[in-house]
Every structure is written in C-alpha cells, then in structure tokens.
Amino acid sequence: MTIDDIVTFVTGLGGVVAQTPSEGDGSPELAWGDTFFYYSPDGTIPAAQPVATIVTKTYPGEEQSRLDRPGAFRVNIAAGRELFTEYVGVAPRELTAGTGEAPDDTVVPHPTYGSLGWLAVVNPGPNSEKDVHRLLRHAWLAACGRFERRQESSDGSS
C-alpha cells in the first residue's frame, strides 16, 4: 500500500477531508507533509480529532516506528476500544508501554495514543491491507455517528 492508496481509500468513503499541512499555512513544522483525515461532510476542517493520520517522519517519543528510513510512513487509526482490544488483546487503558521496534506491515498500538484506542501500521502492505481497510472504515463509521449525534443535539431534536 502506498500513501496515495490510503488517501484514495479514505477520501472515497465519503464526507472526508484530507488535510496535508505545509509551510506557510500556520501549522507546526513537524506536521508538514503528514496527512490528517477528518469526517466533515461540509468540507471544512472541524474542531475534532481526525479519524486517521499518515505520518512520514518520527515524532518525539515515537522512534520505535523508524520513520527515518527512506519511504517509511505510518498510518494511524482511531480504532476505538472494541477493535483495539481485538487486535492487541488488552483494552487500551490496560496497555503497558512497549519498548521494541514496531514491525512493518503489522497492526500495533499507536506509540503515543494507544491508550486512547489508536492503532498504527508502519509501511502497510499485503499482510495488513485488509486490516487497514477494515479499521479505516470502522473509524469513518464511528466519526459519521458522532457527527450525526452532534447535528441532532444542535438541532434540538434529541
């Protein structure tokens, strides 16, 4: 899987805005070149967490992903408690800090946000492609549900 494959898949789910920060747009330099996916049917960047991200460089404290290698990247997905537990074997809040390198093409807890139910895959490929698609679709559906609940609440129709 390439970054473009993932962008095409996620944006193809519908109502998704992909934001790739760059120099001069007011975003922090560390985020330049990474991609953030938001569920936002009106096409604006919401004041909400993204449903998934693609990072192309090592963030502080996330050295185990080894993103300093040429062409390396990591897809991060807001999987939620149920799927996180299914993939990892423990609930997100029960996660203990990992110290080893994150293997390529394998679903693992996010190095920073694992305890919040985020999963990650470094250099997704044939072993993880179906899982990545499943997890991205699940994150998107959860974001759709949150959006609908917020709309109902703001319309007073709850």
N, C-alpha and C. Protein backbone atom coordinates (compact mmCIF):
# COMPACT_ATOMS: atom_id res chain seq x y z
N MET A 1 0.85 -1.18 0.00
CA MET A 1 0.00 0.00 0.00
C MET A 1 0.89 1.24 0.00
N THR A 2 0.46 2.22 -0.73
CA THR A 2 1.17 3.49 -0.75
C THR A 2 0.36 4.53 0.00
N ILE A 3 0.97 5.66 0.25
CA ILE A 3 0.24 6.77 0.87
C ILE A 3 -0.94 7.15 -0.01
N ASP A 4 -0.71 7.24 -1.32
CA ASP A 4 -1.80 7.59 -2.24
C ASP A 4 -2.93 6.58 -2.19
N ASP A 5 -2.61 5.29 -2.07
CA ASP A 5 -3.66 4.26 -1.94
C ASP A 5 -4.53 4.54 -0.72
N ILE A 6 -3.90 4.89 0.38
CA ILE A 6 -4.65 5.13 1.62
C ILE A 6 -5.48 6.40 1.49
N VAL A 7 -4.91 7.46 0.94
CA VAL A 7 -5.67 8.71 0.76
C VAL A 7 -6.88 8.45 -0.13
N THR A 8 -6.69 7.73 -1.21
CA THR A 8 -7.80 7.42 -2.13
C THR A 8 -8.87 6.60 -1.41
N PHE A 9 -8.47 5.61 -0.64
CA PHE A 9 -9.44 4.78 0.07
C PHE A 9 -10.24 5.61 1.08
N VAL A 10 -9.55 6.37 1.92
CA VAL A 10 -10.25 7.11 2.98
C VAL A 10 -11.15 8.19 2.39
N THR A 11 -10.64 8.97 1.46
CA THR A 11 -11.48 10.03 0.89
C THR A 11 -12.64 9.44 0.09
N GLY A 12 -12.48 8.24 -0.43
CA GLY A 12 -13.55 7.57 -1.16
C GLY A 12 -14.69 7.10 -0.28
N LEU A 13 -14.49 7.09 1.03
CA LEU A 13 -15.56 6.68 1.94
C LEU A 13 -16.69 7.71 1.98
N GLY A 14 -16.38 8.94 1.65
CA GLY A 14 -17.40 9.98 1.59
C GLY A 14 -17.38 10.91 2.79
N GLY A 15 -17.51 12.19 2.52
CA GLY A 15 -17.56 13.19 3.58
C GLY A 15 -16.25 13.39 4.30
N VAL A 16 -15.16 12.95 3.72
CA VAL A 16 -13.85 13.04 4.37
C VAL A 16 -13.05 14.18 3.75
N VAL A 17 -12.43 14.96 4.63
CA VAL A 17 -11.50 15.99 4.22
C VAL A 17 -10.10 15.52 4.60
N ALA A 18 -9.21 15.53 3.63
CA ALA A 18 -7.80 15.20 3.88
C ALA A 18 -7.01 16.50 3.91
N GLN A 19 -6.31 16.74 5.00
CA GLN A 19 -5.51 17.95 5.16
C GLN A 19 -4.05 17.55 5.25
N THR A 20 -3.22 18.16 4.41
CA THR A 20 -1.78 17.94 4.45
C THR A 20 -1.11 19.28 4.72
N PRO A 21 -0.74 19.54 5.97
CA PRO A 21 -0.13 20.81 6.32
C PRO A 21 1.18 21.05 5.55
N SER A 22 1.45 22.33 5.32
CA SER A 22 2.69 22.70 4.63
C SER A 22 3.16 24.06 5.13
N GLU A 23 4.36 24.39 4.75
CA GLU A 23 4.95 25.66 5.16
C GLU A 23 4.04 26.82 4.75
N GLY A 24 3.86 27.75 5.66
CA GLY A 24 3.09 28.95 5.36
C GLY A 24 1.61 28.86 5.68
N ASP A 25 1.12 27.70 6.11
CA ASP A 25 -0.32 27.60 6.39
C ASP A 25 -0.64 27.73 7.88
N GLY A 26 0.39 28.04 8.68
CA GLY A 26 0.18 28.24 10.11
C GLY A 26 0.30 26.98 10.94
N SER A 27 0.51 25.86 10.31
CA SER A 27 0.64 24.60 11.05
C SER A 27 2.06 24.45 11.57
N PRO A 28 2.25 23.65 12.61
CA PRO A 28 3.60 23.43 13.13
C PRO A 28 4.47 22.70 12.09
N GLU A 29 5.73 23.04 12.05
CA GLU A 29 6.64 22.46 11.07
C GLU A 29 6.66 20.94 11.14
N LEU A 30 6.57 20.38 12.32
CA LEU A 30 6.62 18.93 12.47
C LEU A 30 5.52 18.23 11.67
N ALA A 31 4.37 18.90 11.50
CA ALA A 31 3.24 18.28 10.80
C ALA A 31 3.32 18.43 9.28
N TRP A 32 4.23 19.25 8.78
CA TRP A 32 4.30 19.46 7.33
C TRP A 32 4.52 18.14 6.60
N GLY A 33 3.71 17.90 5.60
CA GLY A 33 3.84 16.70 4.79
C GLY A 33 3.06 15.50 5.28
N ASP A 34 2.55 15.55 6.50
CA ASP A 34 1.72 14.48 7.01
C ASP A 34 0.28 14.73 6.56
N THR A 35 -0.58 13.73 6.66
CA THR A 35 -1.96 13.88 6.22
C THR A 35 -2.90 13.52 7.36
N PHE A 36 -3.90 14.36 7.54
CA PHE A 36 -4.89 14.21 8.60
C PHE A 36 -6.26 14.07 7.94
N PHE A 37 -7.02 13.05 8.33
CA PHE A 37 -8.33 12.78 7.75
C PHE A 37 -9.42 13.12 8.76
N TYR A 38 -10.38 13.94 8.32
CA TYR A 38 -11.50 14.35 9.17
C TYR A 38 -12.80 13.99 8.47
N TYR A 39 -13.77 13.55 9.25
CA TYR A 39 -15.11 13.39 8.68
C TYR A 39 -15.79 14.74 8.79
N SER A 40 -16.11 15.32 7.65
CA SER A 40 -16.72 16.64 7.61
C SER A 40 -17.46 16.81 6.29
N PRO A 41 -18.73 16.43 6.26
CA PRO A 41 -19.49 16.49 5.01
C PRO A 41 -19.54 17.87 4.35
N ASP A 42 -19.37 18.94 5.15
CA ASP A 42 -19.41 20.28 4.55
C ASP A 42 -18.06 20.71 3.99
N GLY A 43 -17.03 19.87 4.14
CA GLY A 43 -15.73 20.15 3.54
C GLY A 43 -14.82 21.05 4.34
N THR A 44 -15.21 21.42 5.55
CA THR A 44 -14.35 22.25 6.39
C THR A 44 -13.58 21.36 7.36
N ILE A 45 -12.49 21.91 7.88
CA ILE A 45 -11.72 21.17 8.89
C ILE A 45 -12.42 21.41 10.23
N PRO A 46 -12.97 20.36 10.83
CA PRO A 46 -13.72 20.54 12.08
C PRO A 46 -12.79 20.67 13.29
N ALA A 47 -13.36 21.17 14.36
CA ALA A 47 -12.63 21.23 15.63
C ALA A 47 -12.83 19.90 16.33
N ALA A 48 -12.33 18.85 15.72
CA ALA A 48 -12.46 17.49 16.24
C ALA A 48 -11.19 16.73 15.91
N GLN A 49 -11.00 15.61 16.59
CA GLN A 49 -9.85 14.76 16.31
C GLN A 49 -10.01 14.16 14.91
N PRO A 50 -8.91 13.92 14.23
CA PRO A 50 -9.01 13.22 12.95
C PRO A 50 -9.43 11.76 13.18
N VAL A 51 -9.93 11.14 12.13
CA VAL A 51 -10.28 9.72 12.23
C VAL A 51 -9.06 8.86 11.93
N ALA A 52 -8.09 9.44 11.22
CA ALA A 52 -6.86 8.73 10.89
C ALA A 52 -5.82 9.75 10.45
N THR A 53 -4.57 9.34 10.49
CA THR A 53 -3.48 10.20 10.02
C THR A 53 -2.45 9.33 9.31
N ILE A 54 -1.65 9.98 8.49
CA ILE A 54 -0.48 9.35 7.90
C ILE A 54 0.70 10.24 8.26
N VAL A 55 1.69 9.68 8.92
CA VAL A 55 2.88 10.44 9.28
C VAL A 55 4.08 9.88 8.52
N THR A 56 4.96 10.80 8.16
CA THR A 56 6.10 10.45 7.31
C THR A 56 7.44 10.71 7.97
N LYS A 57 7.37 11.08 9.23
CA LYS A 57 8.61 11.36 9.96
C LYS A 57 8.42 10.97 11.41
N THR A 58 9.52 10.86 12.12
CA THR A 58 9.47 10.47 13.52
C THR A 58 9.08 11.65 14.39
N TYR A 59 8.03 11.46 15.16
CA TYR A 59 7.62 12.44 16.16
C TYR A 59 8.35 12.11 17.46
N PRO A 60 8.54 13.11 18.32
CA PRO A 60 9.23 12.84 19.59
C PRO A 60 8.54 11.72 20.37
N GLY A 61 9.34 10.78 20.85
CA GLY A 61 8.83 9.66 21.62
C GLY A 61 8.30 8.51 20.78
N GLU A 62 8.39 8.62 19.47
CA GLU A 62 7.85 7.58 18.59
C GLU A 62 8.94 6.97 17.71
N GLU A 63 10.14 6.89 18.24
CA GLU A 63 11.28 6.41 17.48
C GLU A 63 11.14 4.94 17.07
N GLN A 64 10.35 4.16 17.82
CA GLN A 64 10.22 2.73 17.52
C GLN A 64 9.61 2.46 16.15
N SER A 65 8.98 3.46 15.54
CA SER A 65 8.42 3.27 14.20
C SER A 65 9.49 3.36 13.10
N ARG A 66 10.63 3.92 13.42
CA ARG A 66 11.76 4.02 12.49
C ARG A 66 11.37 4.71 11.18
N LEU A 67 10.69 5.82 11.29
CA LEU A 67 10.24 6.54 10.10
C LEU A 67 11.35 7.37 9.46
N ASP A 68 12.56 7.27 10.00
CA ASP A 68 13.69 7.98 9.39
C ASP A 68 14.26 7.21 8.20
N ARG A 69 13.70 6.05 7.90
CA ARG A 69 14.12 5.26 6.74
C ARG A 69 13.51 5.84 5.47
N PRO A 70 14.19 5.76 4.34
CA PRO A 70 13.63 6.28 3.08
C PRO A 70 12.29 5.61 2.75
N GLY A 71 11.29 6.43 2.48
CA GLY A 71 9.99 5.94 2.07
C GLY A 71 9.11 5.40 3.18
N ALA A 72 9.60 5.40 4.41
CA ALA A 72 8.80 4.85 5.51
C ALA A 72 7.68 5.82 5.90
N PHE A 73 6.55 5.25 6.28
CA PHE A 73 5.43 6.05 6.79
C PHE A 73 4.60 5.17 7.71
N ARG A 74 3.72 5.81 8.47
CA ARG A 74 2.85 5.08 9.39
C ARG A 74 1.43 5.61 9.24
N VAL A 75 0.48 4.71 9.12
CA VAL A 75 -0.92 5.09 9.16
C VAL A 75 -1.41 4.85 10.58
N ASN A 76 -2.11 5.85 11.12
CA ASN A 76 -2.64 5.81 12.49
C ASN A 76 -4.16 5.88 12.40
N ILE A 77 -4.83 5.04 13.18
CA ILE A 77 -6.28 4.92 13.04
C ILE A 77 -6.95 4.93 14.41
N ALA A 78 -7.99 5.76 14.54
CA ALA A 78 -8.80 5.80 15.77
C ALA A 78 -9.70 4.57 15.75
N ALA A 79 -9.19 3.47 16.26
CA ALA A 79 -9.89 2.18 16.18
C ALA A 79 -11.01 2.05 17.21
N GLY A 80 -10.86 2.69 18.34
CA GLY A 80 -11.83 2.51 19.42
C GLY A 80 -11.49 1.31 20.28
N ARG A 81 -12.14 1.27 21.42
CA ARG A 81 -11.82 0.25 22.43
C ARG A 81 -12.05 -1.18 21.95
N GLU A 82 -13.18 -1.43 21.31
CA GLU A 82 -13.52 -2.81 20.93
C GLU A 82 -12.51 -3.39 19.92
N LEU A 83 -12.25 -2.67 18.83
CA LEU A 83 -11.31 -3.19 17.84
C LEU A 83 -9.88 -3.17 18.36
N PHE A 84 -9.54 -2.17 19.13
CA PHE A 84 -8.20 -2.14 19.73
C PHE A 84 -7.98 -3.41 20.54
N THR A 85 -8.95 -3.74 21.38
CA THR A 85 -8.84 -4.93 22.23
C THR A 85 -8.77 -6.19 21.38
N GLU A 86 -9.53 -6.24 20.30
CA GLU A 86 -9.50 -7.39 19.40
C GLU A 86 -8.09 -7.58 18.80
N TYR A 87 -7.47 -6.50 18.39
CA TYR A 87 -6.16 -6.60 17.73
C TYR A 87 -5.00 -6.76 18.71
N VAL A 88 -5.11 -6.12 19.87
CA VAL A 88 -3.97 -6.09 20.80
C VAL A 88 -4.10 -7.12 21.92
N GLY A 89 -5.33 -7.46 22.27
CA GLY A 89 -5.52 -8.45 23.32
C GLY A 89 -5.75 -7.87 24.69
N VAL A 90 -5.64 -6.56 24.82
CA VAL A 90 -5.95 -5.86 26.07
C VAL A 90 -6.69 -4.57 25.72
N ALA A 91 -7.46 -4.07 26.67
CA ALA A 91 -8.15 -2.80 26.45
C ALA A 91 -7.12 -1.67 26.38
N PRO A 92 -7.44 -0.61 25.68
CA PRO A 92 -6.48 0.50 25.55
C PRO A 92 -5.92 1.01 26.88
N ARG A 93 -6.76 1.17 27.88
CA ARG A 93 -6.32 1.70 29.17
C ARG A 93 -5.44 0.72 29.95
N GLU A 94 -5.44 -0.55 29.52
CA GLU A 94 -4.61 -1.56 30.18
C GLU A 94 -3.26 -1.74 29.49
N LEU A 95 -3.05 -0.99 28.43
CA LEU A 95 -1.82 -1.11 27.66
C LEU A 95 -0.62 -0.69 28.49
N THR A 96 0.41 -1.48 28.43
CA THR A 96 1.67 -1.11 29.07
C THR A 96 2.62 -0.62 27.99
N ALA A 97 3.52 0.25 28.34
CA ALA A 97 4.43 0.86 27.37
C ALA A 97 5.27 -0.20 26.68
N GLY A 98 5.33 -0.12 25.37
CA GLY A 98 6.16 -1.02 24.59
C GLY A 98 7.53 -0.40 24.39
N THR A 99 8.53 -1.21 24.24
CA THR A 99 9.88 -0.69 24.07
C THR A 99 10.53 -1.15 22.78
N GLY A 100 9.94 -2.14 22.13
CA GLY A 100 10.56 -2.69 20.94
C GLY A 100 10.20 -1.92 19.68
N GLU A 101 10.91 -2.24 18.61
CA GLU A 101 10.63 -1.62 17.33
C GLU A 101 9.27 -2.11 16.82
N ALA A 102 8.56 -1.22 16.13
CA ALA A 102 7.29 -1.59 15.52
C ALA A 102 7.58 -2.29 14.20
N PRO A 103 7.15 -3.53 14.05
CA PRO A 103 7.42 -4.23 12.79
C PRO A 103 6.61 -3.63 11.64
N ASP A 104 7.16 -3.67 10.45
CA ASP A 104 6.43 -3.22 9.27
C ASP A 104 5.25 -4.13 9.00
N ASP A 105 4.21 -3.56 8.36
CA ASP A 105 3.08 -4.32 7.82
C ASP A 105 2.35 -5.12 8.88
N THR A 106 2.28 -4.57 10.10
CA THR A 106 1.65 -5.26 11.24
C THR A 106 0.85 -4.24 12.05
N VAL A 107 -0.35 -4.59 12.44
CA VAL A 107 -1.17 -3.72 13.28
C VAL A 107 -0.62 -3.76 14.70
N VAL A 108 -0.30 -2.57 15.23
CA VAL A 108 0.24 -2.43 16.58
C VAL A 108 -0.43 -1.24 17.27
N PRO A 109 -0.33 -1.16 18.59
CA PRO A 109 -0.84 0.03 19.27
C PRO A 109 -0.05 1.27 18.81
N HIS A 110 -0.73 2.39 18.68
CA HIS A 110 -0.04 3.64 18.36
C HIS A 110 0.96 3.92 19.47
N PRO A 111 2.18 4.35 19.12
CA PRO A 111 3.21 4.54 20.16
C PRO A 111 2.87 5.60 21.20
N THR A 112 2.05 6.58 20.85
CA THR A 112 1.68 7.62 21.81
C THR A 112 0.22 7.50 22.24
N TYR A 113 -0.67 7.23 21.30
CA TYR A 113 -2.11 7.27 21.56
C TYR A 113 -2.76 5.90 21.67
N GLY A 114 -1.96 4.86 21.86
CA GLY A 114 -2.51 3.52 22.03
C GLY A 114 -3.49 3.44 23.19
N SER A 115 -3.17 4.11 24.29
CA SER A 115 -4.04 4.05 25.46
C SER A 115 -5.38 4.75 25.23
N LEU A 116 -5.49 5.45 24.10
CA LEU A 116 -6.75 6.10 23.73
C LEU A 116 -7.47 5.33 22.63
N GLY A 117 -6.99 4.12 22.34
CA GLY A 117 -7.67 3.29 21.35
C GLY A 117 -7.19 3.45 19.92
N TRP A 118 -6.02 4.05 19.73
CA TRP A 118 -5.48 4.22 18.38
C TRP A 118 -4.55 3.06 18.04
N LEU A 119 -4.68 2.57 16.81
CA LEU A 119 -3.79 1.55 16.28
C LEU A 119 -2.95 2.17 15.16
N ALA A 120 -1.86 1.51 14.81
CA ALA A 120 -0.96 2.02 13.79
C ALA A 120 -0.38 0.88 12.97
N VAL A 121 0.02 1.21 11.75
CA VAL A 121 0.71 0.25 10.89
C VAL A 121 1.83 1.00 10.19
N VAL A 122 3.06 0.54 10.41
CA VAL A 122 4.22 1.10 9.72
C VAL A 122 4.33 0.38 8.38
N ASN A 123 4.44 1.15 7.32
CA ASN A 123 4.59 0.60 5.97
C ASN A 123 3.59 -0.52 5.69
N PRO A 124 2.28 -0.19 5.70
CA PRO A 124 1.29 -1.23 5.45
C PRO A 124 1.52 -1.89 4.09
N GLY A 125 1.26 -3.18 4.05
CA GLY A 125 1.47 -3.95 2.83
C GLY A 125 0.48 -5.10 2.75
N PRO A 126 0.85 -6.17 2.08
CA PRO A 126 -0.09 -7.28 1.85
C PRO A 126 -0.58 -7.96 3.12
N ASN A 127 0.22 -7.99 4.17
CA ASN A 127 -0.20 -8.65 5.41
C ASN A 127 -1.24 -7.84 6.17
N SER A 128 -1.22 -6.52 6.03
CA SER A 128 -2.11 -5.68 6.84
C SER A 128 -3.17 -4.95 6.03
N GLU A 129 -3.16 -5.06 4.71
CA GLU A 129 -4.06 -4.26 3.87
C GLU A 129 -5.53 -4.43 4.25
N LYS A 130 -6.00 -5.67 4.40
CA LYS A 130 -7.41 -5.89 4.76
C LYS A 130 -7.72 -5.31 6.13
N ASP A 131 -6.78 -5.46 7.07
CA ASP A 131 -6.99 -4.90 8.41
C ASP A 131 -7.03 -3.37 8.35
N VAL A 132 -6.12 -2.76 7.61
CA VAL A 132 -6.09 -1.30 7.50
C VAL A 132 -7.41 -0.80 6.92
N HIS A 133 -7.90 -1.45 5.86
CA HIS A 133 -9.18 -1.04 5.28
C HIS A 133 -10.32 -1.21 6.28
N ARG A 134 -10.33 -2.33 6.98
CA ARG A 134 -11.37 -2.57 7.97
C ARG A 134 -11.34 -1.51 9.07
N LEU A 135 -10.16 -1.23 9.58
CA LEU A 135 -10.02 -0.26 10.67
C LEU A 135 -10.37 1.14 10.21
N LEU A 136 -9.94 1.52 9.02
CA LEU A 136 -10.27 2.85 8.49
C LEU A 136 -11.78 3.00 8.29
N ARG A 137 -12.41 1.96 7.76
CA ARG A 137 -13.86 2.00 7.56
C ARG A 137 -14.57 2.12 8.91
N HIS A 138 -14.10 1.39 9.90
CA HIS A 138 -14.70 1.45 11.24
C HIS A 138 -14.53 2.87 11.83
N ALA A 139 -13.35 3.45 11.71
CA ALA A 139 -13.10 4.80 12.24
C ALA A 139 -14.01 5.81 11.55
N TRP A 140 -14.18 5.65 10.26
CA TRP A 140 -15.05 6.54 9.49
C TRP A 140 -16.50 6.41 9.95
N LEU A 141 -16.98 5.17 10.11
CA LEU A 141 -18.35 4.97 10.57
C LEU A 141 -18.58 5.56 11.96
N ALA A 142 -17.60 5.40 12.84
CA ALA A 142 -17.71 5.99 14.18
C ALA A 142 -17.78 7.51 14.10
N ALA A 143 -16.97 8.10 13.22
CA ALA A 143 -16.98 9.56 13.05
C ALA A 143 -18.32 10.02 12.46
N CYS A 144 -18.88 9.25 11.54
CA CYS A 144 -20.20 9.57 10.98
C CYS A 144 -21.24 9.61 12.10
N GLY A 145 -21.20 8.61 12.97
CA GLY A 145 -22.14 8.55 14.09
C GLY A 145 -22.00 9.72 15.03
N ARG A 146 -20.75 10.08 15.36
CA ARG A 146 -20.52 11.24 16.23
C ARG A 146 -21.05 12.52 15.58
N PHE A 147 -20.80 12.67 14.30
CA PHE A 147 -21.26 13.86 13.57
C PHE A 147 -22.79 13.94 13.61
N GLU A 148 -23.45 12.83 13.34
CA GLU A 148 -24.91 12.81 13.35
C GLU A 148 -25.46 13.15 14.73
N ARG A 149 -24.84 12.60 15.77
CA ARG A 149 -25.31 12.91 17.14
C ARG A 149 -25.13 14.40 17.46
N ARG A 150 -24.00 14.97 17.03
CA ARG A 150 -23.78 16.42 17.26
C ARG A 150 -24.82 17.24 16.50
N GLN A 151 -25.14 16.82 15.27
CA GLN A 151 -26.14 17.55 14.48
C GLN A 151 -27.49 17.48 15.16
N GLU A 152 -27.89 16.30 15.61
CA GLU A 152 -29.17 16.14 16.29
C GLU A 152 -29.22 16.98 17.56
N SER A 153 -28.12 17.00 18.30
CA SER A 153 -28.06 17.77 19.53
C SER A 153 -28.18 19.26 19.26
N SER A 154 -27.49 19.74 18.23
CA SER A 154 -27.53 21.17 17.93
C SER A 154 -28.84 21.58 17.30
N ASP A 155 -29.57 20.63 16.69
CA ASP A 155 -30.88 20.92 16.12
C ASP A 155 -31.99 20.84 17.16
N GLY A 156 -31.65 20.34 18.35
CA GLY A 156 -32.64 20.20 19.41
C GLY A 156 -33.59 19.04 19.19
N SER A 157 -33.21 18.13 18.30
CA SER A 157 -34.10 17.01 18.00
C SER A 157 -33.69 15.73 18.72
N SER A 158 -32.96 15.85 19.82
CA SER A 158 -32.53 14.65 20.53
C SER A 158 -33.54 14.18 21.54
